[in-house]
Amino acid sequence: MRPQREQPGPGQESVWDYPRPPSVVPTDEHVQVWLGGELVADTTTALRVLETSHPPTYYLPRAAFADGALRPAPGSSFCEWKGTASYLDVVGGDVVAPAGAWFYPRPSARFASVADHVALYPAAMDRCTVDGELVRPQPGGFYGGWITSRVVGPFKGEPGTRFW
């Protein structure tokens, strides 16, 4: 059963207006990520991947990460749209977020723009901000969406949303 779409207010987006297959949209929002008390990523040139029922997933350029903040991690997964993802540990101070980030070494042609970009699970970080606003992680351990006041749901990931 499809959920009831929340009505967006001024300056907001509904995730139910996002496309499927997803789209990739550049943003000049100021994105920052902290782990272990350290700023591990900082950029104003991120990409937002927008997919129906999901809050945006932010893909940050590799150059936005502090030296030593990313290291290869075991495992991979497959996205029907983007291809095969590889995982990265995120390191900040004395803290390691195992497989806290992912990237597409060879994304599909349609998603070529995410090459050399890294997405993070906000729940695995100390905090993530977009234009200074604290991000809430998308519910569910599988998803990496970033919830801000800019987006309304309901969002996939809550119990009972598996087949949306």
Protein backbone atom coordinates (compact mmCIF):
# COMPACT_ATOMS: atom_id res chain seq x y z
CA MET A 1 0.00 0.00 0.00
CA ARG A 2 1.41 3.38 -1.02
CA PRO A 3 1.70 5.82 1.90
CA GLN A 4 0.07 9.24 2.06
CA ARG A 5 2.41 11.89 0.69
CA GLU A 6 3.15 14.74 3.11
CA GLN A 7 2.45 18.15 1.59
CA PRO A 8 5.67 20.17 1.24
CA GLY A 9 5.72 23.70 2.60
CA PRO A 10 7.54 26.69 1.11
CA GLY A 11 11.12 25.76 0.23
CA GLN A 12 10.52 22.04 0.81
CA GLU A 13 10.53 19.01 -1.49
CA SER A 14 8.50 15.83 -1.21
CA VAL A 15 10.47 12.65 -1.73
CA TRP A 16 7.36 11.38 -3.50
CA ASP A 17 8.07 13.87 -6.29
CA TYR A 18 11.55 12.43 -6.85
CA PRO A 19 11.92 10.21 -9.94
CA ARG A 20 12.46 6.50 -10.40
CA PRO A 21 14.97 5.71 -11.76
CA PRO A 22 16.81 8.25 -9.60
CA SER A 23 18.35 11.48 -10.80
CA VAL A 24 21.66 13.11 -9.91
CA VAL A 25 21.52 16.81 -9.09
CA PRO A 26 24.56 18.99 -8.31
CA THR A 27 24.24 21.17 -5.22
CA ASP A 28 26.21 24.10 -3.86
CA GLU A 29 24.96 23.46 -0.32
CA HIS A 30 27.71 23.46 2.30
CA VAL A 31 28.09 19.82 3.39
CA GLN A 32 30.25 18.90 6.37
CA VAL A 33 30.89 15.57 8.11
CA TRP A 34 32.46 14.95 11.52
CA LEU A 35 33.76 11.71 13.01
CA GLY A 36 35.88 11.19 16.10
CA GLY A 37 35.59 14.89 16.83
CA GLU A 38 37.30 15.78 13.54
CA LEU A 39 35.99 17.37 10.37
CA VAL A 40 36.52 14.54 7.87
CA ALA A 41 34.75 16.07 4.84
CA ASP A 42 33.84 19.58 3.74
CA THR A 43 32.45 20.65 0.35
CA THR A 44 30.14 22.93 -1.59
CA THR A 45 30.25 20.70 -4.68
CA ALA A 46 28.30 17.60 -3.65
CA LEU A 47 25.80 15.64 -5.73
CA ARG A 48 22.32 14.73 -4.49
CA VAL A 49 20.88 11.42 -5.70
CA LEU A 50 17.10 11.74 -5.63
CA GLU A 51 14.88 8.64 -5.72
CA THR A 52 11.18 8.22 -5.04
CA SER A 53 10.41 7.67 -1.32
CA HIS A 54 14.03 8.27 -0.20
CA PRO A 55 15.58 11.37 1.30
CA PRO A 56 18.52 12.59 -0.80
CA THR A 57 21.78 10.71 -0.62
CA TYR A 58 24.73 13.08 -0.79
CA TYR A 59 27.78 12.08 -2.80
CA LEU A 60 30.85 14.10 -1.88
CA PRO A 61 33.89 14.50 -4.12
CA ARG A 62 36.85 12.46 -2.90
CA ALA A 63 38.82 15.70 -2.73
CA ALA A 64 36.42 16.90 0.02
CA PHE A 65 37.78 14.31 2.47
CA ALA A 66 40.66 14.89 4.84
CA ASP A 67 43.82 12.92 4.17
CA GLY A 68 43.50 9.46 5.70
CA ALA A 69 39.75 9.75 6.30
CA LEU A 70 38.90 6.98 3.82
CA ARG A 71 40.36 3.50 3.54
CA PRO A 72 39.21 0.42 1.61
CA ALA A 73 36.79 -1.90 3.40
CA PRO A 74 35.65 -5.40 2.49
CA GLY A 75 32.39 -6.06 0.73
CA SER A 76 30.32 -4.81 -2.15
CA SER A 77 26.69 -4.41 -3.10
CA PHE A 78 24.74 -3.94 -6.30
CA CYS A 79 22.38 -1.13 -7.25
CA GLU A 80 20.12 -1.77 -10.21
CA TRP A 81 20.73 1.81 -11.38
CA LYS A 82 24.32 2.66 -10.51
CA GLY A 83 26.09 -0.71 -10.62
CA THR A 84 28.44 -2.36 -8.14
CA ALA A 85 29.44 -0.36 -5.06
CA SER A 86 32.62 -0.79 -3.04
CA TYR A 87 32.82 0.14 0.63
CA LEU A 88 35.14 2.36 2.62
CA ASP A 89 35.90 2.73 6.31
CA VAL A 90 35.69 6.32 7.49
CA VAL A 91 38.38 7.37 9.97
CA GLY A 92 38.27 10.43 12.20
CA GLY A 93 40.53 10.83 15.21
CA ASP A 94 40.56 7.51 17.05
CA VAL A 95 37.18 6.46 15.64
CA VAL A 96 36.57 4.15 12.68
CA ALA A 97 33.15 3.78 11.05
CA PRO A 98 33.53 0.34 9.40
CA ALA A 99 32.05 0.38 5.88
CA GLY A 100 30.57 3.78 6.73
CA ALA A 101 30.87 4.96 3.13
CA TRP A 102 30.54 3.61 -0.38
CA PHE A 103 31.39 4.55 -3.95
CA TYR A 104 30.95 3.24 -7.48
CA PRO A 105 34.33 2.52 -9.11
CA ARG A 106 32.64 2.02 -12.50
CA PRO A 107 29.12 3.45 -12.33
CA SER A 108 26.66 2.81 -15.12
CA ALA A 109 26.72 5.34 -17.98
CA ARG A 110 23.59 7.07 -16.69
CA PHE A 111 25.29 7.67 -13.31
CA ALA A 112 28.80 8.44 -14.58
CA SER A 113 28.73 11.73 -12.66
CA VAL A 114 29.01 9.89 -9.30
CA ALA A 115 32.44 8.55 -10.26
CA ASP A 116 35.08 9.95 -7.90
CA HIS A 117 32.36 10.71 -5.32
CA VAL A 118 31.71 9.02 -1.98
CA ALA A 119 28.41 8.60 -0.11
CA LEU A 120 28.24 8.19 3.68
CA TYR A 121 25.81 6.68 6.15
CA PRO A 122 24.97 9.68 8.34
CA ALA A 123 24.06 7.34 11.22
CA ALA A 124 27.67 6.09 11.30
CA MET A 125 29.13 9.61 11.68
CA ASP A 126 29.27 11.90 14.72
CA ARG A 127 27.27 14.39 12.72
CA CYS A 128 26.60 15.58 9.19
CA THR A 129 25.34 19.04 8.31
CA VAL A 130 23.89 20.66 5.22
CA ASP A 131 24.15 24.46 5.24
CA GLY A 132 24.69 24.23 9.00
CA GLU A 133 21.56 22.12 9.64
CA LEU A 134 22.07 18.84 11.49
CA VAL A 135 21.10 15.86 9.30
CA ARG A 136 18.87 13.06 10.56
CA PRO A 137 19.74 9.64 9.08
CA GLN A 138 17.21 7.82 6.92
CA PRO A 139 15.56 5.10 9.01
CA GLY A 140 16.75 1.52 8.53
CA GLY A 141 20.33 0.30 8.46
CA PHE A 142 20.47 -0.25 4.70
CA TYR A 143 19.79 3.28 3.47
CA GLY A 144 22.04 6.33 3.39
CA GLY A 145 19.56 9.19 2.94
CA TRP A 146 20.05 12.56 4.61
CA ILE A 147 16.92 14.10 6.16
CA THR A 148 16.82 17.88 6.61
CA SER A 149 13.97 20.33 7.00
CA ARG A 150 14.10 20.73 3.22
CA VAL A 151 12.48 17.33 2.56
CA VAL A 152 9.23 15.71 3.64
CA GLY A 153 8.15 12.06 3.45
CA PRO A 154 7.13 9.64 4.60
CA PHE A 155 10.51 8.01 4.02
CA LYS A 156 11.31 4.46 3.06
CA GLY A 157 13.20 2.61 5.79
CA GLU A 158 10.68 2.67 8.63
CA PRO A 159 9.19 -0.69 9.66
CA GLY A 160 6.58 -1.77 7.12
CA THR A 161 8.09 0.18 4.19
CA ARG A 162 10.05 -2.62 2.57
CA PHE A 163 7.77 -3.03 -0.45
CA TRP A 164 7.12 0.62 -1.25
